Amino acid sequence: MTNEEKIELLADEVFDVDVTDVTPETVLDESDFWDSMSKLSLISVIDSNFKKTLKGEDIKNLKTVQDILNLMN
């Protein structure tokens, strides 16, 4: 899966925003779409699509969309 496909997945299934609103440089804490529901959705998407389990500490350490993309590799 390419980074573009991962961003589309995040925009659609995690953030529920248009894909043009999400770039690797997007700062999560400055984004309206980074809330408790998107964090829970991220945990689910990472688990089901990438077979990785995220913990609360992993979520706290995420600063940008690029950090999420790094987890997906």
N, C-alpha and C. Protein backbone atom coordinates (compact mmCIF):
# COMPACT_ATOMS: atom_id res chain seq x y z
N MET A 1 0.84 -1.17 0.00
CA MET A 1 0.00 0.00 0.00
C MET A 1 0.90 1.25 0.00
N THR A 2 0.62 2.16 -0.91
CA THR A 2 1.41 3.39 -1.01
C THR A 2 0.98 4.38 0.08
N ASN A 3 1.80 5.41 0.28
CA ASN A 3 1.43 6.44 1.24
C ASN A 3 0.15 7.16 0.82
N GLU A 4 -0.04 7.35 -0.46
CA GLU A 4 -1.26 7.99 -0.95
C GLU A 4 -2.49 7.14 -0.59
N GLU A 5 -2.38 5.84 -0.76
CA GLU A 5 -3.49 4.94 -0.39
C GLU A 5 -3.72 4.95 1.12
N LYS A 6 -2.65 5.02 1.89
CA LYS A 6 -2.78 5.08 3.34
C LYS A 6 -3.46 6.37 3.77
N ILE A 7 -3.11 7.47 3.13
CA ILE A 7 -3.74 8.75 3.45
C ILE A 7 -5.22 8.71 3.09
N GLU A 8 -5.56 8.10 1.96
CA GLU A 8 -6.97 7.95 1.58
C GLU A 8 -7.71 7.12 2.63
N LEU A 9 -7.09 6.06 3.10
CA LEU A 9 -7.68 5.22 4.15
C LEU A 9 -7.90 6.02 5.42
N LEU A 10 -6.90 6.78 5.83
CA LEU A 10 -7.02 7.60 7.03
C LEU A 10 -8.12 8.65 6.87
N ALA A 11 -8.13 9.35 5.75
CA ALA A 11 -9.13 10.39 5.52
C ALA A 11 -10.54 9.81 5.55
N ASP A 12 -10.72 8.66 4.93
CA ASP A 12 -12.04 8.04 4.82
C ASP A 12 -12.48 7.33 6.09
N GLU A 13 -11.65 6.47 6.63
CA GLU A 13 -12.07 5.59 7.72
C GLU A 13 -11.74 6.09 9.12
N VAL A 14 -10.78 6.99 9.23
CA VAL A 14 -10.38 7.45 10.56
C VAL A 14 -10.86 8.88 10.81
N PHE A 15 -10.53 9.79 9.90
CA PHE A 15 -10.81 11.20 10.13
C PHE A 15 -12.16 11.65 9.58
N ASP A 16 -12.71 10.92 8.62
CA ASP A 16 -13.99 11.26 7.99
C ASP A 16 -13.95 12.67 7.40
N VAL A 17 -12.88 12.92 6.61
CA VAL A 17 -12.70 14.20 5.93
C VAL A 17 -12.31 13.94 4.48
N ASP A 18 -12.30 14.98 3.69
CA ASP A 18 -11.85 14.86 2.31
C ASP A 18 -10.35 14.59 2.29
N VAL A 19 -9.92 13.78 1.38
CA VAL A 19 -8.51 13.39 1.30
C VAL A 19 -7.60 14.60 1.10
N THR A 20 -8.11 15.65 0.52
CA THR A 20 -7.29 16.86 0.32
C THR A 20 -7.00 17.58 1.62
N ASP A 21 -7.70 17.25 2.68
CA ASP A 21 -7.47 17.86 3.99
C ASP A 21 -6.36 17.19 4.77
N VAL A 22 -5.79 16.09 4.24
CA VAL A 22 -4.80 15.31 4.97
C VAL A 22 -3.52 15.21 4.15
N THR A 23 -2.41 15.63 4.76
CA THR A 23 -1.09 15.47 4.16
C THR A 23 -0.16 14.89 5.21
N PRO A 24 0.97 14.36 4.81
CA PRO A 24 1.92 13.84 5.81
C PRO A 24 2.34 14.91 6.82
N GLU A 25 2.33 16.18 6.41
CA GLU A 25 2.77 17.27 7.27
C GLU A 25 1.68 17.77 8.21
N THR A 26 0.46 17.28 8.07
CA THR A 26 -0.64 17.73 8.91
C THR A 26 -0.32 17.48 10.38
N VAL A 27 -0.39 18.53 11.19
CA VAL A 27 -0.15 18.42 12.63
C VAL A 27 -1.48 18.01 13.27
N LEU A 28 -1.47 16.87 13.93
CA LEU A 28 -2.70 16.30 14.44
C LEU A 28 -3.39 17.19 15.47
N ASP A 29 -2.65 17.70 16.45
CA ASP A 29 -3.27 18.51 17.50
C ASP A 29 -3.81 19.84 17.00
N GLU A 30 -3.42 20.24 15.81
CA GLU A 30 -3.93 21.48 15.22
C GLU A 30 -5.10 21.21 14.27
N SER A 31 -5.49 19.96 14.14
CA SER A 31 -6.54 19.56 13.20
C SER A 31 -7.86 19.36 13.92
N ASP A 32 -8.93 19.83 13.31
CA ASP A 32 -10.26 19.67 13.88
C ASP A 32 -10.69 18.20 13.92
N PHE A 33 -10.12 17.39 13.05
CA PHE A 33 -10.56 16.00 12.95
C PHE A 33 -9.83 15.05 13.90
N TRP A 34 -8.85 15.50 14.66
CA TRP A 34 -8.10 14.63 15.57
C TRP A 34 -8.76 14.70 16.95
N ASP A 35 -9.74 13.81 17.16
CA ASP A 35 -10.47 13.78 18.42
C ASP A 35 -10.50 12.36 18.96
N SER A 36 -11.19 12.15 20.05
CA SER A 36 -11.20 10.84 20.69
C SER A 36 -11.76 9.75 19.78
N MET A 37 -12.77 10.09 18.98
CA MET A 37 -13.34 9.09 18.07
C MET A 37 -12.35 8.71 16.97
N SER A 38 -11.62 9.68 16.44
CA SER A 38 -10.64 9.35 15.40
C SER A 38 -9.49 8.52 15.98
N LYS A 39 -9.15 8.75 17.23
CA LYS A 39 -8.10 7.95 17.87
C LYS A 39 -8.54 6.50 18.01
N LEU A 40 -9.78 6.30 18.41
CA LEU A 40 -10.31 4.94 18.51
C LEU A 40 -10.41 4.29 17.13
N SER A 41 -10.83 5.05 16.14
CA SER A 41 -10.90 4.54 14.77
C SER A 41 -9.52 4.17 14.26
N LEU A 42 -8.53 4.98 14.59
CA LEU A 42 -7.15 4.69 14.17
C LEU A 42 -6.69 3.36 14.74
N ILE A 43 -6.96 3.12 16.01
CA ILE A 43 -6.57 1.86 16.64
C ILE A 43 -7.20 0.69 15.89
N SER A 44 -8.47 0.81 15.55
CA SER A 44 -9.17 -0.25 14.84
C SER A 44 -8.62 -0.46 13.43
N VAL A 45 -8.39 0.63 12.70
CA VAL A 45 -7.89 0.53 11.32
C VAL A 45 -6.48 -0.07 11.30
N ILE A 46 -5.63 0.36 12.20
CA ILE A 46 -4.26 -0.18 12.25
C ILE A 46 -4.30 -1.67 12.57
N ASP A 47 -5.16 -2.05 13.51
CA ASP A 47 -5.26 -3.46 13.89
C ASP A 47 -5.79 -4.31 12.74
N SER A 48 -6.87 -3.88 12.11
CA SER A 48 -7.50 -4.71 11.08
C SER A 48 -6.74 -4.71 9.75
N ASN A 49 -6.09 -3.61 9.41
CA ASN A 49 -5.41 -3.53 8.12
C ASN A 49 -3.92 -3.83 8.16
N PHE A 50 -3.32 -3.62 9.31
CA PHE A 50 -1.86 -3.76 9.40
C PHE A 50 -1.42 -4.73 10.49
N LYS A 51 -2.39 -5.34 11.16
CA LYS A 51 -2.12 -6.38 12.18
C LYS A 51 -1.13 -5.89 13.25
N LYS A 52 -1.31 -4.63 13.66
CA LYS A 52 -0.50 -4.06 14.73
C LYS A 52 -1.43 -3.56 15.82
N THR A 53 -1.01 -3.70 17.05
CA THR A 53 -1.80 -3.25 18.18
C THR A 53 -1.19 -1.97 18.74
N LEU A 54 -2.00 -0.92 18.79
CA LEU A 54 -1.55 0.36 19.33
C LEU A 54 -1.98 0.48 20.78
N LYS A 55 -1.15 1.12 21.55
CA LYS A 55 -1.46 1.39 22.95
C LYS A 55 -1.67 2.88 23.11
N GLY A 56 -2.19 3.28 24.26
CA GLY A 56 -2.42 4.69 24.52
C GLY A 56 -1.16 5.52 24.37
N GLU A 57 -0.05 4.98 24.81
CA GLU A 57 1.23 5.69 24.71
C GLU A 57 1.60 5.93 23.24
N ASP A 58 1.31 4.95 22.39
CA ASP A 58 1.58 5.11 20.95
C ASP A 58 0.78 6.29 20.39
N ILE A 59 -0.48 6.39 20.78
CA ILE A 59 -1.35 7.46 20.31
C ILE A 59 -0.84 8.82 20.81
N LYS A 60 -0.43 8.87 22.07
CA LYS A 60 0.06 10.14 22.64
C LYS A 60 1.30 10.65 21.92
N ASN A 61 2.10 9.74 21.39
CA ASN A 61 3.35 10.12 20.72
C ASN A 61 3.16 10.59 19.29
N LEU A 62 1.96 10.45 18.74
CA LEU A 62 1.70 10.87 17.36
C LEU A 62 1.57 12.38 17.28
N LYS A 63 2.37 12.98 16.44
CA LYS A 63 2.34 14.44 16.27
C LYS A 63 1.82 14.85 14.89
N THR A 64 2.16 14.08 13.86
CA THR A 64 1.76 14.40 12.49
C THR A 64 1.18 13.16 11.82
N VAL A 65 0.57 13.38 10.67
CA VAL A 65 0.07 12.25 9.88
C VAL A 65 1.24 11.36 9.47
N GLN A 66 2.40 11.94 9.23
CA GLN A 66 3.57 11.14 8.88
C GLN A 66 3.90 10.13 9.98
N ASP A 67 3.70 10.50 11.23
CA ASP A 67 3.92 9.56 12.33
C ASP A 67 3.00 8.36 12.22
N ILE A 68 1.76 8.61 11.80
CA ILE A 68 0.80 7.51 11.60
C ILE A 68 1.26 6.64 10.42
N LEU A 69 1.67 7.29 9.35
CA LEU A 69 2.16 6.53 8.19
C LEU A 69 3.34 5.66 8.57
N ASN A 70 4.21 6.15 9.41
CA ASN A 70 5.35 5.36 9.87
C ASN A 70 4.90 4.11 10.63
N LEU A 71 3.84 4.24 11.41
CA LEU A 71 3.30 3.08 12.13
C LEU A 71 2.72 2.03 11.18
N MET A 72 2.24 2.49 10.04
CA MET A 72 1.60 1.59 9.09
C MET A 72 2.61 0.77 8.28
N ASN A 73 3.85 1.13 8.34
CA ASN A 73 4.88 0.39 7.57
C ASN A 73 5.28 -0.88 8.27
